[in-house]
Amino acid sequence: MKKSNSIILFHQKEVRRYWDEKKELWYFSIIDVIEILTNSSIPRRYWSDLKSKLKNEGSEVYEKIVQLKMAAPDGKQRETDSFSTEDLLRVIQSIPSPKAEPFKLWLAKVGYERIEEMEDPEIAFDRAIKTYLQKGYSKEWINQRLKSIEIRKELTDEWQRRDMKEGLEYAILTDEITKAWADKSVKQYKNFKGLKKQNLRDNMTNLELVLNMLAEASTAEISKEQKPKGFNENKKVAKKGGNVAKQARITLERQTRKRVVSPKNVKELQNPKNLLDQNNQE
């Protein structure tokens, strides 16, 4: 497994982290976070006490501890208790500290907003538009992105009707579609754009979004007609849907002599000029 260790600033102090490429998850040193949030001179003891408390309470978080080798102050690699982002936020809720309070308030706000969105899905779209605008995306790109969400939902609804399991099976089917139209797996595509945890679609150009939508919409339509049974038949349909978009991509590339699959990521897409510029020649 390829490893990638790095440091991030958290309240202007360093927190060690580790990128798990296979799981596509960041893991953070809980000792470093506790030291920052509690100002404890002995964060290891604080964590030891908190860990015992979580274990005695039967907290599921205790079972999510992952020991990873990270650089210690003496420069040596030592095993360190670490958590993924989600589990780290759950642990922070158990820390009685003024510095932890903003996180707790934020989590409460996110939870409330999620309940609102479940009651009225239109709210989620409105918030998505505001978020993308704040990130610097153009309105034209945002319209394409929201349409892609709608088409994706239609596809996953079809997969659900075919008794496909959300999670791993959805991911494999998505990978089949992507490999078919873009000649790259999702992982290869993300590496090509220099991405890690970031959403691939949020880093696509307009043309990439359009072809990805064509691939997913085609897969859904073929599935409705052929009514595949079982995972293997659904994989074949996913490949057929992706091939529809592949033919469109090849035809366009022949006409324009420019490559559609682009290394551009969100940093470049935030410039409206780049969204219109499809010059992806090597």
C-alpha atoms as a PDB file:
ATOM      1  CA  MET A   1       0.000   0.000   0.000  1.00  0.00           C
ATOM      2  CA  LYS A   2       1.441   3.331  -1.036  1.00  0.00           C
ATOM      3  CA  LYS A   3       1.859   5.689   1.888  1.00  0.00           C
ATOM      4  CA  SER A   4       1.735   9.455   2.016  1.00  0.00           C
ATOM      5  CA  ASN A   5       2.482  11.180   5.309  1.00  0.00           C
ATOM      6  CA  SER A   6       2.216  14.911   5.787  1.00  0.00           C
ATOM      7  CA  ILE A   7       1.580  17.707   8.268  1.00  0.00           C
ATOM      8  CA  ILE A   8      -1.350  20.135   8.369  1.00  0.00           C
ATOM      9  CA  LEU A   9      -1.877  23.237  10.465  1.00  0.00           C
ATOM     10  CA  PHE A  10      -4.702  23.062  12.974  1.00  0.00           C
ATOM     11  CA  HIS A  11      -5.188  26.147  15.158  1.00  0.00           C
ATOM     12  CA  GLN A  12      -1.721  27.155  13.895  1.00  0.00           C
ATOM     13  CA  LYS A  13      -0.174  23.958  15.283  1.00  0.00           C
ATOM     14  CA  GLU A  14       0.983  20.845  13.496  1.00  0.00           C
ATOM     15  CA  VAL A  15      -1.110  17.694  13.183  1.00  0.00           C
ATOM     16  CA  ARG A  16       0.379  14.578  11.645  1.00  0.00           C
ATOM     17  CA  ARG A  17      -1.768  12.785   9.082  1.00  0.00           C
ATOM     18  CA  TYR A  18      -1.590   9.726   6.837  1.00  0.00           C
ATOM     19  CA  TRP A  19      -3.234   9.109   3.457  1.00  0.00           C
ATOM     20  CA  ASP A  20      -4.558   5.579   2.887  1.00  0.00           C
ATOM     21  CA  GLU A  21      -4.609   5.357  -0.897  1.00  0.00           C
ATOM     22  CA  LYS A  22      -6.567   2.108  -1.000  1.00  0.00           C
ATOM     23  CA  LYS A  23      -9.400   3.385   1.228  1.00  0.00           C
ATOM     24  CA  GLU A  24      -9.022   6.988   0.024  1.00  0.00           C
ATOM     25  CA  LEU A  25      -9.115   8.253   3.604  1.00  0.00           C
ATOM     26  CA  TRP A  26      -7.028  10.670   5.651  1.00  0.00           C
ATOM     27  CA  TYR A  27      -6.078   9.515   9.158  1.00  0.00           C
ATOM     28  CA  PHE A  28      -5.048  12.010  11.847  1.00  0.00           C
ATOM     29  CA  SER A  29      -2.964  11.619  14.997  1.00  0.00           C
ATOM     30  CA  ILE A  30      -5.395  11.902  17.909  1.00  0.00           C
ATOM     31  CA  ILE A  31      -2.538  12.815  20.288  1.00  0.00           C
ATOM     32  CA  ASP A  32      -1.750  15.916  18.223  1.00  0.00           C
ATOM     33  CA  VAL A  33      -5.408  16.978  18.092  1.00  0.00           C
ATOM     34  CA  ILE A  34      -5.894  16.492  21.845  1.00  0.00           C
ATOM     35  CA  GLU A  35      -2.788  18.527  22.608  1.00  0.00           C
ATOM     36  CA  ILE A  36      -4.181  21.409  20.575  1.00  0.00           C
ATOM     37  CA  LEU A  37      -7.750  21.270  21.886  1.00  0.00           C
ATOM     38  CA  THR A  38      -6.905  20.767  25.575  1.00  0.00           C
ATOM     39  CA  ASN A  39      -3.531  22.526  25.938  1.00  0.00           C
ATOM     40  CA  SER A  40      -2.561  19.463  27.966  1.00  0.00           C
ATOM     41  CA  SER A  41       1.148  19.134  28.782  1.00  0.00           C
ATOM     42  CA  ILE A  42       0.664  15.350  28.821  1.00  0.00           C
ATOM     43  CA  PRO A  43      -1.697  14.663  25.884  1.00  0.00           C
ATOM     44  CA  ARG A  44      -0.830  10.951  25.869  1.00  0.00           C
ATOM     45  CA  ARG A  45      -2.140  10.545  29.411  1.00  0.00           C
ATOM     46  CA  TYR A  46      -5.234  12.587  28.533  1.00  0.00           C
ATOM     47  CA  TRP A  47      -5.863  10.326  25.551  1.00  0.00           C
ATOM     48  CA  SER A  48      -5.230   7.204  27.634  1.00  0.00           C
ATOM     49  CA  ASP A  49      -7.888   8.296  30.141  1.00  0.00           C
ATOM     50  CA  LEU A  50     -10.334   9.285  27.405  1.00  0.00           C
ATOM     51  CA  LYS A  51      -9.721   6.024  25.562  1.00  0.00           C
ATOM     52  CA  SER A  52     -10.524   4.032  28.712  1.00  0.00           C
ATOM     53  CA  LYS A  53     -13.670   6.108  29.212  1.00  0.00           C
ATOM     54  CA  LEU A  54     -14.818   5.459  25.633  1.00  0.00           C
ATOM     55  CA  LYS A  55     -14.115   1.743  25.998  1.00  0.00           C
ATOM     56  CA  ASN A  56     -16.057   1.488  29.282  1.00  0.00           C
ATOM     57  CA  GLU A  57     -18.989   3.331  27.712  1.00  0.00           C
ATOM     58  CA  GLY A  58     -19.015   0.840  24.848  1.00  0.00           C
ATOM     59  CA  SER A  59     -18.406   3.580  22.292  1.00  0.00           C
ATOM     60  CA  GLU A  60     -18.044   2.326  18.718  1.00  0.00           C
ATOM     61  CA  VAL A  61     -15.339   4.940  18.212  1.00  0.00           C
ATOM     62  CA  TYR A  62     -12.985   2.917  20.403  1.00  0.00           C
ATOM     63  CA  GLU A  63     -13.135   0.110  17.846  1.00  0.00           C
ATOM     64  CA  LYS A  64     -12.174   2.522  15.041  1.00  0.00           C
ATOM     65  CA  ILE A  65      -8.702   3.315  16.394  1.00  0.00           C
ATOM     66  CA  VAL A  66      -6.040   2.652  13.755  1.00  0.00           C
ATOM     67  CA  GLN A  67      -2.360   2.471  14.674  1.00  0.00           C
ATOM     68  CA  LEU A  68      -0.140   3.984  12.011  1.00  0.00           C
ATOM     69  CA  LYS A  69       3.549   4.771  11.935  1.00  0.00           C
ATOM     70  CA  MET A  70       4.174   8.509  11.975  1.00  0.00           C
ATOM     71  CA  ALA A  71       7.263  10.634  12.560  1.00  0.00           C
ATOM     72  CA  ALA A  72       7.855  11.283  16.274  1.00  0.00           C
ATOM     73  CA  PRO A  73       9.630  14.419  17.613  1.00  0.00           C
ATOM     74  CA  ASP A  74      12.916  12.482  17.560  1.00  0.00           C
ATOM     75  CA  GLY A  75      12.438  11.808  13.858  1.00  0.00           C
ATOM     76  CA  LYS A  76      11.778   8.095  14.257  1.00  0.00           C
ATOM     77  CA  GLN A  77       8.674   6.383  12.896  1.00  0.00           C
ATOM     78  CA  ARG A  78       6.473   5.273  15.793  1.00  0.00           C
ATOM     79  CA  GLU A  79       3.000   3.726  15.924  1.00  0.00           C
ATOM     80  CA  THR A  80       0.397   6.369  16.720  1.00  0.00           C
ATOM     81  CA  ASP A  81      -3.329   6.070  17.493  1.00  0.00           C
ATOM     82  CA  SER A  82      -5.146   7.635  14.567  1.00  0.00           C
ATOM     83  CA  PHE A  83      -8.676   8.249  13.314  1.00  0.00           C
ATOM     84  CA  SER A  84     -10.326   8.948  10.002  1.00  0.00           C
ATOM     85  CA  THR A  85     -11.963  12.362   9.659  1.00  0.00           C
ATOM     86  CA  GLU A  86     -15.432  11.055  10.541  1.00  0.00           C
ATOM     87  CA  ASP A  87     -14.277   9.162  13.630  1.00  0.00           C
ATOM     88  CA  LEU A  88     -12.033  12.035  14.718  1.00  0.00           C
ATOM     89  CA  LEU A  89     -15.038  14.373  14.780  1.00  0.00           C
ATOM     90  CA  ARG A  90     -16.910  11.843  16.927  1.00  0.00           C
ATOM     91  CA  VAL A  91     -14.020  11.748  19.414  1.00  0.00           C
ATOM     92  CA  ILE A  92     -13.864  15.549  19.545  1.00  0.00           C
ATOM     93  CA  GLN A  93     -17.467  15.544  20.758  1.00  0.00           C
ATOM     94  CA  SER A  94     -16.236  13.701  23.871  1.00  0.00           C
ATOM     95  CA  ILE A  95     -13.589  16.326  24.696  1.00  0.00           C
ATOM     96  CA  PRO A  96     -14.802  18.974  27.217  1.00  0.00           C
ATOM     97  CA  SER A  97     -12.811  21.923  25.950  1.00  0.00           C
ATOM     98  CA  PRO A  98     -13.665  25.488  24.805  1.00  0.00           C
ATOM     99  CA  LYS A  99     -11.575  24.876  21.692  1.00  0.00           C
ATOM    100  CA  ALA A 100     -13.672  21.815  20.849  1.00  0.00           C
ATOM    101  CA  GLU A 101     -16.942  23.741  21.148  1.00  0.00           C
ATOM    102  CA  PRO A 102     -16.829  25.266  17.617  1.00  0.00           C
ATOM    103  CA  PHE A 103     -16.604  21.748  16.177  1.00  0.00           C
ATOM    104  CA  LYS A 104     -19.556  20.582  18.256  1.00  0.00           C
ATOM    105  CA  LEU A 105     -21.642  23.573  17.143  1.00  0.00           C
ATOM    106  CA  TRP A 106     -20.672  22.961  13.525  1.00  0.00           C
ATOM    107  CA  LEU A 107     -21.632  19.263  13.758  1.00  0.00           C
ATOM    108  CA  ALA A 108     -24.989  20.199  15.277  1.00  0.00           C
ATOM    109  CA  LYS A 109     -25.582  22.700  12.453  1.00  0.00           C
ATOM    110  CA  VAL A 110     -24.649  20.141   9.778  1.00  0.00           C
ATOM    111  CA  GLY A 111     -26.952  17.576  11.376  1.00  0.00           C
ATOM    112  CA  TYR A 112     -29.851  20.022  11.448  1.00  0.00           C
ATOM    113  CA  GLU A 113     -29.256  20.986   7.805  1.00  0.00           C
ATOM    114  CA  ARG A 114     -29.206  17.327   6.810  1.00  0.00           C
ATOM    115  CA  ILE A 115     -32.613  16.799   8.441  1.00  0.00           C
ATOM    116  CA  GLU A 116     -33.939  19.843   6.561  1.00  0.00           C
ATOM    117  CA  GLU A 117     -32.646  18.463   3.256  1.00  0.00           C
ATOM    118  CA  MET A 118     -34.305  15.088   3.869  1.00  0.00           C
ATOM    119  CA  GLU A 119     -37.630  16.850   4.399  1.00  0.00           C
ATOM    120  CA  ASP A 120     -37.157  19.163   1.410  1.00  0.00           C
ATOM    121  CA  PRO A 121     -34.518  17.998  -1.155  1.00  0.00           C
ATOM    122  CA  GLU A 122     -34.734  21.349  -2.968  1.00  0.00           C
ATOM    123  CA  ILE A 123     -32.891  22.913  -0.025  1.00  0.00           C
ATOM    124  CA  ALA A 124     -29.913  20.654  -0.761  1.00  0.00           C
ATOM    125  CA  PHE A 125     -29.738  21.958  -4.349  1.00  0.00           C
ATOM    126  CA  ASP A 126     -29.926  25.580  -3.164  1.00  0.00           C
ATOM    127  CA  ARG A 127     -27.107  24.983  -0.695  1.00  0.00           C
ATOM    128  CA  ALA A 128     -25.067  23.187  -3.348  1.00  0.00           C
ATOM    129  CA  ILE A 129     -25.374  26.184  -5.689  1.00  0.00           C
ATOM    130  CA  LYS A 130     -24.227  28.582  -2.956  1.00  0.00           C
ATOM    131  CA  THR A 131     -21.316  26.311  -2.042  1.00  0.00           C
ATOM    132  CA  TYR A 132     -20.102  25.986  -5.632  1.00  0.00           C
ATOM    133  CA  LEU A 133     -20.401  29.755  -6.164  1.00  0.00           C
ATOM    134  CA  GLN A 134     -18.372  30.374  -3.013  1.00  0.00           C
ATOM    135  CA  LYS A 135     -15.700  28.029  -4.348  1.00  0.00           C
ATOM    136  CA  GLY A 136     -15.446  30.100  -7.511  1.00  0.00           C
ATOM    137  CA  TYR A 137     -17.191  27.886 -10.085  1.00  0.00           C
ATOM    138  CA  SER A 138     -19.024  29.525 -12.986  1.00  0.00           C
ATOM    139  CA  LYS A 139     -22.825  29.393 -13.162  1.00  0.00           C
ATOM    140  CA  GLU A 140     -22.602  27.481 -16.445  1.00  0.00           C
ATOM    141  CA  TRP A 141     -20.480  24.764 -14.833  1.00  0.00           C
ATOM    142  CA  ILE A 142     -22.773  24.622 -11.791  1.00  0.00           C
ATOM    143  CA  ASN A 143     -25.802  24.020 -14.013  1.00  0.00           C
ATOM    144  CA  GLN A 144     -24.014  21.092 -15.637  1.00  0.00           C
ATOM    145  CA  ARG A 145     -22.948  19.720 -12.259  1.00  0.00           C
ATOM    146  CA  LEU A 146     -26.469  19.830 -10.825  1.00  0.00           C
ATOM    147  CA  LYS A 147     -27.797  18.086 -13.926  1.00  0.00           C
ATOM    148  CA  SER A 148     -25.144  15.400 -13.452  1.00  0.00           C
ATOM    149  CA  ILE A 149     -26.412  14.835  -9.902  1.00  0.00           C
ATOM    150  CA  GLU A 150     -29.938  14.334 -11.240  1.00  0.00           C
ATOM    151  CA  ILE A 151     -28.761  11.831 -13.854  1.00  0.00           C
ATOM    152  CA  ARG A 152     -26.644   9.994 -11.308  1.00  0.00           C
ATOM    153  CA  LYS A 153     -29.694   9.643  -9.057  1.00  0.00           C
ATOM    154  CA  GLU A 154     -31.706   8.159 -11.936  1.00  0.00           C
ATOM    155  CA  LEU A 155     -28.926   5.625 -12.509  1.00  0.00           C
ATOM    156  CA  THR A 156     -28.635   4.592  -8.864  1.00  0.00           C
ATOM    157  CA  ASP A 157     -32.435   4.258  -8.682  1.00  0.00           C
ATOM    158  CA  GLU A 158     -32.216   1.859 -11.628  1.00  0.00           C
ATOM    159  CA  TRP A 159     -29.422  -0.089  -9.925  1.00  0.00           C
ATOM    160  CA  GLN A 160     -31.568  -0.325  -6.837  1.00  0.00           C
ATOM    161  CA  ARG A 161     -34.379  -1.809  -8.921  1.00  0.00           C
ATOM    162  CA  ARG A 162     -31.877  -4.379 -10.210  1.00  0.00           C
ATOM    163  CA  ASP A 163     -31.000  -5.314  -6.601  1.00  0.00           C
ATOM    164  CA  MET A 164     -27.487  -3.912  -6.776  1.00  0.00           C
ATOM    165  CA  LYS A 165     -25.969  -3.160  -3.376  1.00  0.00           C
ATOM    166  CA  GLU A 166     -25.136   0.415  -2.511  1.00  0.00           C
ATOM    167  CA  GLY A 167     -21.472   0.858  -1.707  1.00  0.00           C
ATOM    168  CA  LEU A 168     -19.023  -1.605  -3.218  1.00  0.00           C
ATOM    169  CA  GLU A 169     -21.222  -2.796  -6.112  1.00  0.00           C
ATOM    170  CA  TYR A 170     -22.182   0.781  -7.045  1.00  0.00           C
ATOM    171  CA  ALA A 171     -18.480   1.709  -6.964  1.00  0.00           C
ATOM    172  CA  ILE A 172     -17.489  -1.201  -9.222  1.00  0.00           C
ATOM    173  CA  LEU A 173     -20.265  -0.434 -11.711  1.00  0.00           C
ATOM    174  CA  THR A 174     -19.252   3.248 -11.741  1.00  0.00           C
ATOM    175  CA  ASP A 175     -15.680   2.170 -12.393  1.00  0.00           C
ATOM    176  CA  GLU A 176     -16.826   0.069 -15.369  1.00  0.00           C
ATOM    177  CA  ILE A 177     -18.664   3.054 -16.843  1.00  0.00           C
ATOM    178  CA  THR A 178     -15.693   5.372 -16.351  1.00  0.00           C
ATOM    179  CA  LYS A 179     -13.159   2.920 -17.802  1.00  0.00           C
ATOM    180  CA  ALA A 180     -15.389   2.426 -20.831  1.00  0.00           C
ATOM    181  CA  TRP A 181     -15.827   6.085 -21.786  1.00  0.00           C
ATOM    182  CA  ALA A 182     -12.633   7.683 -20.452  1.00  0.00           C
ATOM    183  CA  ASP A 183     -10.205   4.747 -20.823  1.00  0.00           C
ATOM    184  CA  LYS A 184      -9.299   5.282 -17.167  1.00  0.00           C
ATOM    185  CA  SER A 185     -10.559   3.758 -13.944  1.00  0.00           C
ATOM    186  CA  VAL A 186     -11.900   6.206 -11.350  1.00  0.00           C
ATOM    187  CA  LYS A 187      -8.646   5.875  -9.412  1.00  0.00           C
ATOM    188  CA  GLN A 188      -6.511   6.447 -12.519  1.00  0.00           C
ATOM    189  CA  TYR A 189      -8.682   9.410 -13.478  1.00  0.00           C
ATOM    190  CA  LYS A 190      -8.265  10.987 -10.026  1.00  0.00           C
ATOM    191  CA  ASN A 191      -4.506  10.403 -10.101  1.00  0.00           C
ATOM    192  CA  PHE A 192      -4.396  12.004 -13.553  1.00  0.00           C
ATOM    193  CA  LYS A 193      -5.984  15.133 -12.067  1.00  0.00           C
ATOM    194  CA  GLY A 194      -3.827  15.039  -8.941  1.00  0.00           C
ATOM    195  CA  LEU A 195      -6.754  14.260  -6.643  1.00  0.00           C
ATOM    196  CA  LYS A 196      -7.039  12.243  -3.456  1.00  0.00           C
ATOM    197  CA  LYS A 197     -10.239  12.456  -1.428  1.00  0.00           C
ATOM    198  CA  GLN A 198     -11.778  15.127  -3.656  1.00  0.00           C
ATOM    199  CA  ASN A 199     -14.860  14.363  -5.740  1.00  0.00           C
ATOM    200  CA  LEU A 200     -13.923  13.508  -9.335  1.00  0.00           C
ATOM    201  CA  ARG A 201     -16.986  15.150 -10.873  1.00  0.00           C
ATOM    202  CA  ASP A 202     -16.243  18.389  -9.006  1.00  0.00           C
ATOM    203  CA  ASN A 203     -12.956  18.448 -10.902  1.00  0.00           C
ATOM    204  CA  MET A 204     -14.292  17.779 -14.391  1.00  0.00           C
ATOM    205  CA  THR A 205     -14.477  20.271 -17.232  1.00  0.00           C
ATOM    206  CA  ASN A 206     -17.824  20.945 -18.914  1.00  0.00           C
ATOM    207  CA  LEU A 207     -17.054  18.431 -21.675  1.00  0.00           C
ATOM    208  CA  GLU A 208     -16.016  15.745 -19.207  1.00  0.00           C
ATOM    209  CA  LEU A 209     -19.222  16.280 -17.236  1.00  0.00           C
ATOM    210  CA  VAL A 210     -21.344  16.065 -20.394  1.00  0.00           C
ATOM    211  CA  LEU A 211     -19.746  12.800 -21.521  1.00  0.00           C
ATOM    212  CA  ASN A 212     -19.927  11.314 -18.035  1.00  0.00           C
ATOM    213  CA  MET A 213     -23.637  12.224 -17.948  1.00  0.00           C
ATOM    214  CA  LEU A 214     -24.126  10.607 -21.364  1.00  0.00           C
ATOM    215  CA  ALA A 215     -22.409   7.444 -20.111  1.00  0.00           C
ATOM    216  CA  GLU A 216     -24.543   7.222 -16.965  1.00  0.00           C
ATOM    217  CA  ALA A 217     -27.797   8.142 -18.717  1.00  0.00           C
ATOM    218  CA  SER A 218     -27.077   5.558 -21.429  1.00  0.00           C
ATOM    219  CA  THR A 219     -26.381   2.903 -18.811  1.00  0.00           C
ATOM    220  CA  ALA A 220     -29.699   3.638 -17.101  1.00  0.00           C
ATOM    221  CA  GLU A 221     -31.650   3.490 -20.376  1.00  0.00           C
ATOM    222  CA  ILE A 222     -29.998   0.249 -21.542  1.00  0.00           C
ATOM    223  CA  SER A 223     -30.656  -1.276 -18.137  1.00  0.00           C
ATOM    224  CA  LYS A 224     -34.345  -0.334 -18.316  1.00  0.00           C
ATOM    225  CA  GLU A 225     -34.649  -2.077 -21.689  1.00  0.00           C
ATOM    226  CA  GLN A 226     -32.494  -5.153 -21.040  1.00  0.00           C
ATOM    227  CA  LYS A 227     -33.414  -5.648 -17.356  1.00  0.00           C
ATOM    228  CA  PRO A 228     -30.115  -7.306 -16.365  1.00  0.00           C
ATOM    229  CA  LYS A 229     -30.138  -9.860 -13.569  1.00  0.00           C
ATOM    230  CA  GLY A 230     -27.237 -10.283 -11.202  1.00  0.00           C
ATOM    231  CA  PHE A 231     -24.040  -8.323 -10.772  1.00  0.00           C
ATOM    232  CA  ASN A 232     -22.199  -9.639 -13.836  1.00  0.00           C
ATOM    233  CA  GLU A 233     -25.027  -8.731 -16.217  1.00  0.00           C
ATOM    234  CA  ASN A 234     -25.189  -5.243 -14.701  1.00  0.00           C
ATOM    235  CA  LYS A 235     -21.448  -4.876 -15.249  1.00  0.00           C
ATOM    236  CA  LYS A 236     -21.936  -5.667 -18.953  1.00  0.00           C
ATOM    237  CA  VAL A 237     -24.669  -3.033 -19.180  1.00  0.00           C
ATOM    238  CA  ALA A 238     -22.437  -0.485 -17.423  1.00  0.00           C
ATOM    239  CA  LYS A 239     -19.730  -1.109 -20.005  1.00  0.00           C
ATOM    240  CA  LYS A 240     -22.246  -0.726 -22.863  1.00  0.00           C
ATOM    241  CA  GLY A 241     -23.449   2.594 -21.446  1.00  0.00           C
ATOM    242  CA  GLY A 242     -19.896   3.842 -21.089  1.00  0.00           C
ATOM    243  CA  ASN A 243     -19.104   2.810 -24.669  1.00  0.00           C
ATOM    244  CA  VAL A 244     -21.881   5.050 -25.971  1.00  0.00           C
ATOM    245  CA  ALA A 245     -20.070   8.050 -24.476  1.00  0.00           C
ATOM    246  CA  LYS A 246     -16.708   6.697 -25.640  1.00  0.00           C
ATOM    247  CA  GLN A 247     -17.845   6.789 -29.268  1.00  0.00           C
ATOM    248  CA  ALA A 248     -18.975  10.381 -28.779  1.00  0.00           C
ATOM    249  CA  ARG A 249     -15.616  11.256 -27.201  1.00  0.00           C
ATOM    250  CA  ILE A 250     -13.618   9.659 -30.016  1.00  0.00           C
ATOM    251  CA  THR A 251     -15.693  11.419 -32.685  1.00  0.00           C
ATOM    252  CA  LEU A 252     -15.269  14.787 -30.948  1.00  0.00           C
ATOM    253  CA  GLU A 253     -11.527  14.311 -30.504  1.00  0.00           C
ATOM    254  CA  ARG A 254     -11.136  13.472 -34.199  1.00  0.00           C
ATOM    255  CA  GLN A 255     -13.021  16.613 -35.191  1.00  0.00           C
ATOM    256  CA  THR A 256     -11.241  18.956 -32.786  1.00  0.00           C
ATOM    257  CA  ARG A 257      -7.875  17.198 -32.528  1.00  0.00           C
ATOM    258  CA  LYS A 258      -8.016  17.868 -28.802  1.00  0.00           C
ATOM    259  CA  ARG A 259      -8.260  15.457 -25.904  1.00  0.00           C
ATOM    260  CA  VAL A 260     -11.397  15.549 -23.784  1.00  0.00           C
ATOM    261  CA  VAL A 261     -10.069  13.820 -20.656  1.00  0.00           C
ATOM    262  CA  SER A 262      -8.234  16.659 -18.973  1.00  0.00           C
ATOM    263  CA  PRO A 263      -5.673  16.885 -16.145  1.00  0.00           C
ATOM    264  CA  LYS A 264      -7.375  20.093 -14.987  1.00  0.00           C
ATOM    265  CA  ASN A 265      -8.692  20.003 -11.434  1.00  0.00           C
ATOM    266  CA  VAL A 266     -10.787  22.356  -9.314  1.00  0.00           C
ATOM    267  CA  LYS A 267      -8.010  24.927  -8.897  1.00  0.00           C
ATOM    268  CA  GLU A 268      -7.949  25.475 -12.647  1.00  0.00           C
ATOM    269  CA  LEU A 269     -11.689  25.057 -13.137  1.00  0.00           C
ATOM    270  CA  GLN A 270     -12.371  27.929 -10.739  1.00  0.00           C
ATOM    271  CA  ASN A 271     -11.076  30.220 -13.459  1.00  0.00           C
ATOM    272  CA  PRO A 272     -14.100  30.729 -15.803  1.00  0.00           C
ATOM    273  CA  LYS A 273     -11.730  31.032 -18.781  1.00  0.00           C
ATOM    274  CA  ASN A 274     -10.448  27.522 -18.175  1.00  0.00           C
ATOM    275  CA  LEU A 275     -13.947  26.098 -18.099  1.00  0.00           C
ATOM    276  CA  LEU A 276     -14.425  27.193 -21.696  1.00  0.00           C
ATOM    277  CA  ASP A 277     -10.917  26.283 -22.735  1.00  0.00           C
ATOM    278  CA  GLN A 278     -10.837  22.641 -23.774  1.00  0.00           C
ATOM    279  CA  ASN A 279      -7.308  22.759 -25.167  1.00  0.00           C
ATOM    280  CA  ASN A 280      -6.034  19.542 -23.691  1.00  0.00           C
ATOM    281  CA  GLN A 281      -3.342  18.835 -26.199  1.00  0.00           C
ATOM    282  CA  GLU A 282      -0.154  17.375 -24.837  1.00  0.00           C
END
